[in-house]
Amino acid sequence: MVVQLNRPEVRNAIDQQMVDELHRICAYLEQTPKVLILTGTEGVFASGADIAQLRERRRDDALQGINSTIFVRIAKLPMPVIAALDGFCLGGGAELAYAADFRIGTPSVRIGNPETGLGILAAAGASWRLKELVGEPVAKEILLAGAVLRAERALAVNLITEIHEAPDLMAAAHALADRIAGQDPLAVRITKSVFHAPAEAHPLIDQLAQGILFESQAKFDRMQAFLDKKSEKKSASQTGKQK
C-alpha cells in the first residue's frame, strides 16, 4: 500500500486530520497486512507537526501523545514500513520516518528535529528511536543542537540506506517492497516482531517463533524448492562435464 502525505500548501505538516487518517490506515493494515510505503508530495516528505495547531496545544494534549501514539502504531504494523523521503523531513515528519523499518531518500533530503528551537522537545519517538538508529553522539547533535542532516550525511550515519534521484525514488521504494514481498510473509511478520522484542525476551522468543515457523507449510515448500533447484543445478553441471 502506498500512502501519500498530501498537504502541499503547508509542506505536508502533520495535523489532526492526517493523524486520524493514518489511524484508519493502520486499522486496515492490522487486519490485512501489507508492506506500507509512506511518501510525501511536491518534493517534501513532511515539514513537521502543524505549528498553528501545535501552538495551541497544552499539557493535556501532550499527555494524550497525539503523534507518538500513531507513530508507535505504525512502527508495530505486522509488515515492514518503507519511508520514501524527499526534501524536508523535519520534526514530526522525521519522527514518522524514524518509525518506519526502512528509510530511503533523494539528494535533497533534509532530516532533523528542530523542536528545541521552538521551546519543546521531540516527544513523538525521536528522543529514544534516534539513539537506536544513529548512536548517541549524532542523536544528541540532532536533538540538542538542532542539526539538520543532508542526504549524504544521513546516509553515512545509516539514518537512510539508499539515495536515489527524485524521479526514481518511488521505483526504488517499490523495488524494496518487492524484495520484501518475495520472502515468506509469515516469516517476515514474525521476524519483525522478534527483532523488536525486548532484550530479556531472547532467546526464548526466538525459539518459540521458530517453533511456529517450523510447522508452516511455506517452510516445507520453500525449502523443498531450494533443494530441487540445487539438485537441478548439480545435474546440469554433471551433464555439462560429461559432454
Protein backbone atom coordinates (compact mmCIF):
# COMPACT_ATOMS: atom_id res chain seq x y z
CA MET A 1 0.00 0.00 0.00
CA VAL A 2 1.25 3.48 -0.89
CA VAL A 3 0.20 6.35 1.39
CA GLN A 4 0.97 9.91 0.32
CA LEU A 5 1.14 12.78 2.79
CA ASN A 6 -0.65 15.45 0.79
CA ARG A 7 -0.91 18.94 2.29
CA PRO A 8 1.46 20.77 -0.06
CA GLU A 9 0.16 24.20 0.95
CA VAL A 10 1.80 23.69 4.38
CA ARG A 11 4.64 21.42 3.23
CA ASN A 12 2.72 18.33 4.41
CA ALA A 13 2.62 19.45 8.04
CA ILE A 14 1.03 16.74 10.18
CA ASP A 15 -2.30 17.87 11.59
CA GLN A 16 -5.07 16.11 13.50
CA GLN A 17 -6.90 15.09 10.32
CA MET A 18 -3.76 13.44 8.96
CA VAL A 19 -3.26 11.61 12.26
CA ASP A 20 -6.86 10.39 12.16
CA GLU A 21 -6.46 9.18 8.59
CA LEU A 22 -3.23 7.35 9.47
CA HIS A 23 -5.07 5.58 12.29
CA ARG A 24 -7.67 4.37 9.79
CA ILE A 25 -4.90 3.10 7.50
CA CYS A 26 -3.28 1.27 10.42
CA ALA A 27 -6.61 -0.32 11.35
CA TYR A 28 -6.85 -1.71 7.82
CA LEU A 29 -3.23 -2.93 7.68
CA GLU A 30 -3.51 -4.60 11.07
CA GLN A 31 -6.33 -6.72 9.65
CA THR A 32 -4.92 -7.03 6.12
CA PRO A 33 -1.10 -7.00 6.46
CA LYS A 34 0.76 -5.43 3.54
CA VAL A 35 4.05 -3.64 3.05
CA LEU A 36 3.42 0.09 3.50
CA ILE A 37 5.22 2.82 1.55
CA LEU A 38 4.95 6.32 3.03
CA THR A 39 5.82 9.25 0.81
CA GLY A 40 5.23 12.98 0.50
CA THR A 41 4.28 15.26 -2.35
CA GLU A 42 5.80 18.08 -4.41
CA GLY A 43 9.35 17.48 -3.20
CA VAL A 44 8.56 17.38 0.52
CA PHE A 45 8.02 14.43 2.86
CA ALA A 46 6.73 16.32 5.91
CA SER A 47 7.92 19.58 7.42
CA GLY A 48 6.77 18.59 10.90
CA ALA A 49 3.68 18.98 13.02
CA ASP A 50 1.26 21.74 12.06
CA ILE A 51 2.67 24.68 14.07
CA ALA A 52 -0.67 26.51 14.06
CA GLN A 53 -2.25 23.56 15.86
CA LEU A 54 0.84 22.80 17.93
CA ARG A 55 0.98 26.34 19.33
CA GLU A 56 -2.47 25.94 20.84
CA ARG A 57 -1.86 22.56 22.43
CA ARG A 58 -1.49 22.43 26.20
CA ARG A 59 -0.42 19.95 28.87
CA ASP A 60 -3.43 17.65 28.46
CA ASP A 61 -2.83 17.47 24.71
CA ALA A 62 0.78 16.48 25.32
CA LEU A 63 -0.27 13.75 27.73
CA GLN A 64 -2.53 12.27 25.04
CA GLY A 65 0.54 11.60 22.88
CA ILE A 66 -1.30 12.52 19.69
CA ASN A 67 1.65 11.97 17.32
CA SER A 68 3.59 9.45 19.39
CA THR A 69 0.58 7.12 19.57
CA ILE A 70 0.14 6.94 15.80
CA PHE A 71 3.87 6.59 15.19
CA VAL A 72 4.08 3.69 17.65
CA ARG A 73 1.14 2.08 15.87
CA ILE A 74 2.87 2.48 12.51
CA ALA A 75 6.09 1.00 13.90
CA LYS A 76 4.15 -2.04 15.14
CA LEU A 77 2.37 -2.79 11.87
CA PRO A 78 2.67 -6.50 11.01
CA MET A 79 4.57 -5.99 7.75
CA PRO A 80 7.52 -3.64 7.14
CA VAL A 81 7.08 0.08 6.51
CA ILE A 82 9.19 1.99 3.96
CA ALA A 83 9.56 5.77 4.21
CA ALA A 84 10.43 7.29 0.81
CA LEU A 85 11.86 10.70 1.72
CA ASP A 86 12.27 13.78 -0.43
CA GLY A 87 13.09 17.32 0.64
CA PHE A 88 12.16 18.42 4.15
CA CYS A 89 11.70 15.67 6.72
CA LEU A 90 11.64 17.63 9.95
CA GLY A 91 10.19 17.43 13.45
CA GLY A 92 7.16 15.18 13.46
CA GLY A 93 7.87 14.30 9.85
CA ALA A 94 11.30 12.99 10.85
CA GLU A 95 9.76 11.08 13.77
CA LEU A 96 7.29 9.48 11.38
CA ALA A 97 10.24 8.40 9.23
CA TYR A 98 12.08 7.04 12.28
CA ALA A 99 9.06 4.81 12.97
CA ALA A 100 9.47 3.13 9.58
CA ASP A 101 11.57 0.00 9.12
CA PHE A 102 13.36 1.41 6.06
CA ARG A 103 14.21 4.96 5.02
CA ILE A 104 15.38 5.78 1.53
CA GLY A 105 15.77 9.28 0.14
CA THR A 106 16.75 11.72 -2.57
CA PRO A 107 19.78 14.06 -2.69
CA SER A 108 17.54 16.90 -1.49
CA VAL A 109 16.62 15.25 1.83
CA ARG A 110 16.94 17.46 4.91
CA ILE A 111 16.17 15.45 8.05
CA GLY A 112 16.28 16.51 11.68
CA ASN A 113 14.47 17.70 14.78
CA PRO A 114 14.38 21.48 15.40
CA GLU A 115 11.94 21.20 18.31
CA THR A 116 14.22 22.68 20.97
CA GLY A 117 14.42 25.84 18.88
CA LEU A 118 10.64 26.11 19.29
CA GLY A 119 10.74 25.63 23.04
CA ILE A 120 9.59 21.98 23.06
CA LEU A 121 11.17 18.54 22.68
CA ALA A 122 10.85 15.87 20.02
CA ALA A 123 8.36 13.80 22.00
CA ALA A 124 6.97 11.50 19.31
CA GLY A 125 9.79 8.99 19.24
CA ALA A 126 12.98 10.86 18.35
CA SER A 127 14.21 11.07 21.94
CA TRP A 128 14.62 7.29 22.05
CA ARG A 129 14.39 5.93 18.49
CA LEU A 130 17.09 8.22 17.12
CA LYS A 131 19.75 6.93 19.52
CA GLU A 132 18.99 3.39 18.39
CA LEU A 133 19.26 4.41 14.74
CA VAL A 134 22.39 6.59 14.67
CA GLY A 135 24.04 6.29 18.09
CA GLU A 136 24.17 8.76 20.97
CA PRO A 137 26.62 11.38 19.61
CA VAL A 138 24.75 12.01 16.35
CA ALA A 139 21.38 11.77 18.10
CA LYS A 140 22.44 14.48 20.55
CA GLU A 141 23.70 16.64 17.70
CA ILE A 142 20.26 16.46 16.12
CA LEU A 143 18.16 16.70 19.28
CA LEU A 144 20.19 19.15 21.38
CA ALA A 145 21.94 21.27 18.75
CA GLY A 146 19.23 21.26 16.10
CA ALA A 147 21.40 19.69 13.39
CA VAL A 148 19.57 19.03 10.14
CA LEU A 149 21.31 16.33 8.12
CA ARG A 150 21.65 16.45 4.37
CA ALA A 151 21.24 13.26 2.39
CA GLU A 152 24.91 12.25 2.23
CA ARG A 153 25.40 12.71 5.99
CA ALA A 154 22.16 10.85 6.70
CA LEU A 155 23.41 8.00 4.51
CA ALA A 156 26.81 7.99 6.24
CA VAL A 157 25.22 7.56 9.68
CA ASN A 158 22.71 4.97 8.35
CA LEU A 159 19.69 7.15 9.02
CA ILE A 160 18.80 6.45 5.40
CA THR A 161 20.09 3.43 3.49
CA GLU A 162 19.77 4.49 -0.15
CA ILE A 163 19.87 7.71 -2.18
CA HIS A 164 18.02 7.97 -5.48
CA GLU A 165 17.23 10.88 -7.77
CA ALA A 166 13.72 12.20 -7.19
CA PRO A 167 12.18 10.70 -10.36
CA ASP A 168 13.49 7.27 -9.32
CA LEU A 169 12.53 7.36 -5.65
CA MET A 170 9.19 5.57 -5.85
CA ALA A 171 10.54 2.94 -8.22
CA ALA A 172 13.27 2.24 -5.66
CA ALA A 173 10.68 2.05 -2.88
CA HIS A 174 8.62 -0.41 -4.89
CA ALA A 175 11.73 -2.47 -5.69
CA LEU A 176 12.47 -2.73 -1.96
CA ALA A 177 8.84 -3.63 -1.27
CA ASP A 178 9.05 -6.32 -3.96
CA ARG A 179 12.14 -7.80 -2.29
CA ILE A 180 10.25 -7.98 0.98
CA ALA A 181 7.21 -9.45 -0.75
CA GLY A 182 9.44 -12.18 -2.20
CA GLN A 183 10.05 -13.53 1.30
CA ASP A 184 7.57 -15.70 3.15
CA PRO A 185 5.01 -13.27 4.63
CA LEU A 186 4.60 -15.12 7.92
CA ALA A 187 8.37 -15.36 8.38
CA VAL A 188 8.69 -11.62 7.73
CA ARG A 189 5.95 -10.76 10.21
CA ILE A 190 7.35 -12.97 12.95
CA THR A 191 10.93 -11.82 12.33
CA LYS A 192 9.85 -8.18 12.66
CA SER A 193 8.12 -8.94 15.96
CA VAL A 194 11.12 -10.86 17.33
CA PHE A 195 13.51 -8.13 16.18
CA HIS A 196 11.66 -5.53 18.22
CA ALA A 197 11.20 -7.70 21.31
CA PRO A 198 12.95 -6.52 24.50
CA ALA A 199 16.38 -7.97 25.21
CA GLU A 200 15.15 -10.01 28.17
CA ALA A 201 12.71 -11.89 25.90
CA HIS A 202 15.57 -13.53 24.00
CA PRO A 203 16.40 -16.32 23.28
CA LEU A 204 13.07 -17.80 24.38
CA ILE A 205 11.01 -15.70 21.98
CA ASP A 206 13.29 -16.71 19.08
CA GLN A 207 12.81 -20.39 19.90
CA LEU A 208 9.05 -20.10 20.22
CA ALA A 209 8.80 -18.13 16.99
CA GLN A 210 10.95 -20.67 15.18
CA GLY A 211 8.69 -23.42 16.50
CA ILE A 212 5.73 -21.75 14.83
CA LEU A 213 7.57 -21.35 11.54
CA PHE A 214 8.90 -24.91 11.58
CA GLU A 215 5.28 -26.09 11.37
CA SER A 216 4.27 -23.79 8.50
CA GLN A 217 3.62 -25.26 5.07
CA ALA A 218 5.58 -22.42 3.47
CA LYS A 219 8.73 -23.62 5.27
CA PHE A 220 8.41 -27.10 3.71
CA ASP A 221 7.50 -25.77 0.27
CA ARG A 222 10.27 -23.16 0.15
CA MET A 223 12.96 -25.49 1.46
CA GLN A 224 11.91 -28.21 -0.97
CA ALA A 225 12.04 -25.72 -3.83
CA PHE A 226 15.54 -24.73 -2.71
CA LEU A 227 16.67 -28.37 -2.63
CA ASP A 228 15.08 -29.09 -6.02
CA LYS A 229 16.82 -26.10 -7.58
CA LYS A 230 20.13 -27.13 -6.09
CA SER A 231 19.68 -30.67 -7.41
CA GLU A 232 18.81 -29.37 -10.88
CA LYS A 233 21.97 -27.23 -10.94
CA LYS A 234 24.10 -30.17 -9.84
CA SER A 235 22.57 -32.41 -12.52
CA ALA A 236 23.09 -29.77 -15.20
CA SER A 237 26.70 -29.31 -14.11
CA GLN A 238 27.40 -33.04 -14.25
CA THR A 239 25.76 -33.31 -17.67
CA GLY A 240 27.94 -30.50 -18.95
CA LYS A 241 31.11 -32.21 -17.73
CA GLN A 242 30.14 -35.46 -19.49
CA LYS A 243 29.83 -33.75 -22.88
